[in-house]
Amino acid sequence: MIEEKTVTAIILVAGNSTRYGQNRNKNFDKIQGKEVMLYSLEAFNKNDFIDNIIIGVKEEEIPIVKEIISKEKLIKPVSIVIGGKSRQETVHNCIKESLSEIVIIHDGARAAIKQEYINTCIKSMKEFKGVAVGVRSKDTIKITDENNIVVDTTKRSNTWIVQTPQCFERKSLLEMHEKYKNEEVTDDCMLMEKGNYKVKILEGDYTNIKITTYEDLTGITQFIKKLV
């Protein structure tokens, strides 16, 4: 039974926030008086499946994160792990610190995370070793070569925009991180795909956006108001 398996939530806040354009980590800005990363932390802290939480953080930003989480009354054990130079390295560092059977990975900057997606991801681990929340692409996607010449056109109904949370059997994901640590990947699903694991996409919704630009704060604030 999935309820008997241990689960670690991994929250990633170690990004560079380059496209955010404010010369600061977007996870530390506030929505309705609360830091962005706290919305994700609170969601996993109150989820019944989660046993503990690991936060991937830049070394120089650890004091900031400690100050932020000190404001919260947390019921789950929370630990901080130093992130790497890339998202891939940060996740690798975090899963090495987990002893759980399942890890569920989430971008700290996706503040409108819903409990139903956390639950569905974890419950789906009964059948799969990797699952991720995503939404169907609204647009037709073109595949190009290095000169931006179209080489293929995807079938829109089969094209997804992948979000987080993403959930995995920890042992298998760690194995893939070790095996492909010298290859650049954009998310952990891609690593599992390289190992020929079947990864299931669970349909989410378009409110589960990742704050990328400063303007995204306005839109996500409206989504969060509806969740409260």
Protein backbone atom coordinates (compact mmCIF):
# COMPACT_ATOMS: atom_id res chain seq x y z
CA MET A 1 0.00 0.00 0.00
CA ILE A 2 1.22 3.46 -0.92
CA GLU A 3 0.26 4.75 2.55
CA GLU A 4 2.94 2.52 4.05
CA LYS A 5 5.76 3.95 1.94
CA THR A 6 7.90 6.82 3.16
CA VAL A 7 7.82 10.05 1.17
CA THR A 8 10.21 13.00 1.09
CA ALA A 9 9.13 16.30 -0.41
CA ILE A 10 11.94 18.20 -2.12
CA ILE A 11 11.40 21.93 -2.67
CA LEU A 12 13.80 23.69 -5.02
CA VAL A 13 14.68 27.32 -4.30
CA ALA A 14 18.29 27.40 -5.51
CA GLY A 15 17.69 28.85 -8.99
CA ASN A 16 19.32 31.98 -10.35
CA SER A 17 16.04 33.82 -11.17
CA THR A 18 17.77 35.32 -14.22
CA ARG A 19 14.56 35.95 -16.18
CA TYR A 20 12.94 37.44 -13.10
CA GLY A 21 15.01 40.55 -13.72
CA GLN A 22 15.07 41.89 -10.15
CA ASN A 23 18.58 40.80 -9.12
CA ARG A 24 17.18 38.69 -6.32
CA ASN A 25 15.74 35.22 -5.76
CA LYS A 26 12.06 35.23 -6.71
CA ASN A 27 11.34 32.67 -3.97
CA PHE A 28 11.98 35.36 -1.38
CA ASP A 29 9.58 37.97 -2.78
CA LYS A 30 6.16 38.17 -1.17
CA ILE A 31 2.61 37.41 -2.25
CA GLN A 32 0.02 38.84 0.13
CA GLY A 33 2.72 39.42 2.73
CA LYS A 34 4.16 35.90 2.59
CA GLU A 35 7.32 34.70 0.84
CA VAL A 36 6.72 32.76 -2.39
CA MET A 37 8.52 29.64 -1.17
CA LEU A 38 6.35 29.43 1.95
CA TYR A 39 3.27 28.55 -0.09
CA SER A 40 4.96 25.38 -1.31
CA LEU A 41 6.43 24.60 2.09
CA GLU A 42 3.04 24.95 3.77
CA ALA A 43 1.34 22.74 1.18
CA PHE A 44 3.73 19.84 1.73
CA ASN A 45 3.91 20.41 5.48
CA LYS A 46 0.17 19.77 5.87
CA ASN A 47 -0.04 16.83 3.45
CA ASP A 48 -0.69 13.49 5.15
CA PHE A 49 1.54 11.49 2.80
CA ILE A 50 4.68 13.55 3.44
CA ASP A 51 7.13 12.33 6.09
CA ASN A 52 9.81 14.98 5.78
CA ILE A 53 10.85 17.94 3.65
CA ILE A 54 14.20 18.86 2.10
CA ILE A 55 14.81 22.33 0.69
CA GLY A 56 17.53 22.78 -1.94
CA VAL A 57 19.19 26.17 -1.37
CA LYS A 58 22.22 28.13 -2.55
CA GLU A 59 24.83 28.08 0.19
CA GLU A 60 24.94 31.86 0.50
CA GLU A 61 21.14 32.02 0.85
CA ILE A 62 20.82 29.49 3.66
CA PRO A 63 20.52 32.22 6.35
CA ILE A 64 17.64 33.80 4.40
CA VAL A 65 15.79 30.50 4.10
CA LYS A 66 16.33 29.69 7.76
CA GLU A 67 14.87 33.07 8.71
CA ILE A 68 11.85 32.54 6.47
CA ILE A 69 11.00 29.05 7.73
CA SER A 70 11.52 30.10 11.34
CA LYS A 71 8.21 31.97 11.03
CA GLU A 72 6.31 28.75 10.41
CA LYS A 73 4.91 26.18 12.82
CA LEU A 74 6.08 23.07 11.00
CA ILE A 75 4.90 19.57 11.86
CA LYS A 76 7.23 17.79 9.42
CA PRO A 77 11.00 17.57 9.86
CA VAL A 78 12.63 20.08 7.50
CA SER A 79 16.26 20.05 6.42
CA ILE A 80 18.27 22.28 4.12
CA VAL A 81 20.64 20.93 1.47
CA ILE A 82 23.15 23.01 -0.46
CA GLY A 83 22.19 23.23 -4.12
CA GLY A 84 24.45 22.73 -7.10
CA LYS A 85 25.27 24.79 -10.17
CA SER A 86 22.17 23.48 -11.95
CA ARG A 87 18.70 22.21 -11.11
CA GLN A 88 19.96 18.72 -11.91
CA GLU A 89 22.78 18.97 -9.38
CA THR A 90 20.48 20.41 -6.74
CA VAL A 91 17.99 17.57 -7.09
CA HIS A 92 20.82 15.04 -6.99
CA ASN A 93 22.17 16.56 -3.78
CA CYS A 94 18.70 16.45 -2.22
CA ILE A 95 17.77 12.88 -3.13
CA LYS A 96 21.11 11.67 -1.77
CA GLU A 97 20.06 13.08 1.58
CA SER A 98 16.67 11.35 1.57
CA LEU A 99 16.12 7.86 2.95
CA SER A 100 12.54 7.61 1.72
CA GLU A 101 11.14 5.19 -0.81
CA ILE A 102 9.44 7.98 -2.75
CA VAL A 103 10.52 11.56 -3.49
CA ILE A 104 8.18 14.26 -4.73
CA ILE A 105 9.95 17.25 -6.27
CA HIS A 106 8.47 20.72 -6.55
CA ASP A 107 9.58 24.16 -7.72
CA GLY A 108 9.40 26.59 -4.83
CA ALA A 109 8.26 29.22 -7.32
CA ARG A 110 5.03 27.32 -8.11
CA ALA A 111 3.15 28.88 -5.24
CA ALA A 112 -0.37 27.90 -6.34
CA ILE A 113 0.22 24.18 -5.74
CA LYS A 114 -2.94 22.23 -4.89
CA GLN A 115 -3.23 19.34 -2.45
CA GLU A 116 -5.00 17.22 -5.05
CA TYR A 117 -1.91 17.19 -7.26
CA ILE A 118 0.38 16.15 -4.43
CA ASN A 119 -2.02 13.36 -3.50
CA THR A 120 -2.57 12.15 -7.06
CA CYS A 121 1.16 12.06 -7.78
CA ILE A 122 1.92 9.97 -4.72
CA LYS A 123 -1.03 7.61 -5.20
CA SER A 124 0.02 7.01 -8.81
CA MET A 125 3.29 5.52 -7.58
CA LYS A 126 1.35 2.28 -7.10
CA GLU A 127 1.59 1.81 -10.87
CA PHE A 128 4.56 3.88 -12.04
CA LYS A 129 8.11 4.72 -11.00
CA GLY A 130 7.72 8.27 -12.27
CA VAL A 131 4.79 10.68 -12.63
CA ALA A 132 4.47 14.40 -13.25
CA VAL A 133 1.73 17.00 -13.36
CA GLY A 134 1.30 18.72 -16.71
CA VAL A 135 -1.14 20.55 -18.96
CA ARG A 136 -1.92 19.99 -22.61
CA SER A 137 -0.30 22.46 -24.96
CA LYS A 138 -2.74 25.05 -26.28
CA ASP A 139 -0.53 25.68 -29.28
CA THR A 140 0.99 23.58 -32.02
CA ILE A 141 4.64 22.83 -31.21
CA LYS A 142 7.28 22.85 -33.94
CA ILE A 143 10.56 20.95 -33.66
CA THR A 144 13.50 22.69 -35.36
CA ASP A 145 17.15 22.04 -36.08
CA GLU A 146 19.99 24.22 -34.80
CA ASN A 147 19.26 26.73 -37.60
CA ASN A 148 15.60 27.10 -36.57
CA ILE A 149 14.41 25.17 -39.60
CA VAL A 150 11.30 23.11 -38.86
CA VAL A 151 11.98 19.38 -38.99
CA ASP A 152 8.78 18.11 -37.41
CA THR A 153 5.38 19.19 -36.10
CA THR A 154 3.93 17.59 -32.98
CA LYS A 155 0.37 16.39 -32.64
CA ARG A 156 -1.11 18.96 -30.28
CA SER A 157 -3.31 16.45 -28.45
CA ASN A 158 -0.19 14.49 -27.50
CA THR A 159 1.91 17.52 -26.50
CA TRP A 160 2.17 18.49 -22.86
CA ILE A 161 3.74 21.30 -20.85
CA VAL A 162 5.29 19.63 -17.83
CA GLN A 163 4.98 21.22 -14.41
CA THR A 164 5.76 20.12 -10.87
CA PRO A 165 5.23 18.28 -8.61
CA GLN A 166 7.05 15.32 -10.12
CA CYS A 167 7.13 12.10 -8.13
CA PHE A 168 9.56 9.16 -8.37
CA GLU A 169 10.76 5.99 -6.80
CA ARG A 170 13.83 7.40 -5.06
CA LYS A 171 16.11 4.42 -5.74
CA SER A 172 15.46 4.49 -9.49
CA LEU A 173 15.79 8.26 -9.79
CA LEU A 174 19.05 8.29 -7.85
CA GLU A 175 20.40 5.57 -10.12
CA MET A 176 19.55 7.68 -13.18
CA HIS A 177 21.15 10.78 -11.67
CA GLU A 178 24.36 8.85 -11.06
CA LYS A 179 24.33 7.29 -14.51
CA TYR A 180 23.66 10.49 -16.44
CA LYS A 181 25.25 13.09 -14.19
CA ASN A 182 27.49 14.30 -17.02
CA GLU A 183 24.57 14.84 -19.39
CA GLU A 184 22.43 17.96 -19.20
CA VAL A 185 18.72 17.35 -18.65
CA THR A 186 15.93 19.83 -18.03
CA ASP A 187 13.87 17.80 -15.56
CA ASP A 188 13.86 14.49 -13.72
CA CYS A 189 11.30 12.93 -16.05
CA MET A 190 13.90 13.18 -18.80
CA LEU A 191 16.34 11.18 -16.69
CA MET A 192 13.79 8.44 -16.12
CA GLU A 193 13.00 8.39 -19.83
CA LYS A 194 16.68 7.79 -20.55
CA GLY A 195 16.45 4.71 -18.34
CA ASN A 196 13.42 3.49 -20.32
CA TYR A 197 11.08 3.97 -17.38
CA LYS A 198 7.47 4.79 -18.22
CA VAL A 199 6.60 8.26 -16.93
CA LYS A 200 2.92 9.09 -16.50
CA ILE A 201 1.62 12.63 -17.06
CA LEU A 202 -1.22 13.59 -14.74
CA GLU A 203 -3.41 16.38 -16.05
CA GLY A 204 -3.24 19.49 -13.92
CA ASP A 205 -4.38 23.02 -14.71
CA TYR A 206 -3.01 26.29 -16.00
CA THR A 207 -3.10 28.02 -12.60
CA ASN A 208 -0.11 25.95 -11.44
CA ILE A 209 2.30 28.40 -13.04
CA LYS A 210 5.94 28.86 -12.16
CA ILE A 211 6.91 32.44 -11.40
CA THR A 212 9.45 33.23 -14.09
CA THR A 213 9.14 36.96 -14.73
CA TYR A 214 8.28 39.72 -12.29
CA GLU A 215 4.92 40.19 -14.04
CA ASP A 216 3.95 36.62 -13.07
CA LEU A 217 3.51 37.76 -9.47
CA THR A 218 0.33 39.63 -10.40
CA GLY A 219 -1.29 36.64 -12.10
CA ILE A 220 -0.40 34.09 -9.45
CA THR A 221 -1.72 36.35 -6.69
CA GLN A 222 -5.20 36.00 -8.20
CA PHE A 223 -4.90 32.21 -8.31
CA ILE A 224 -3.74 32.03 -4.69
CA LYS A 225 -6.67 34.16 -3.50
CA LYS A 226 -9.01 31.50 -4.88
CA LEU A 227 -7.16 28.75 -3.02
CA VAL A 228 -7.43 30.40 0.38
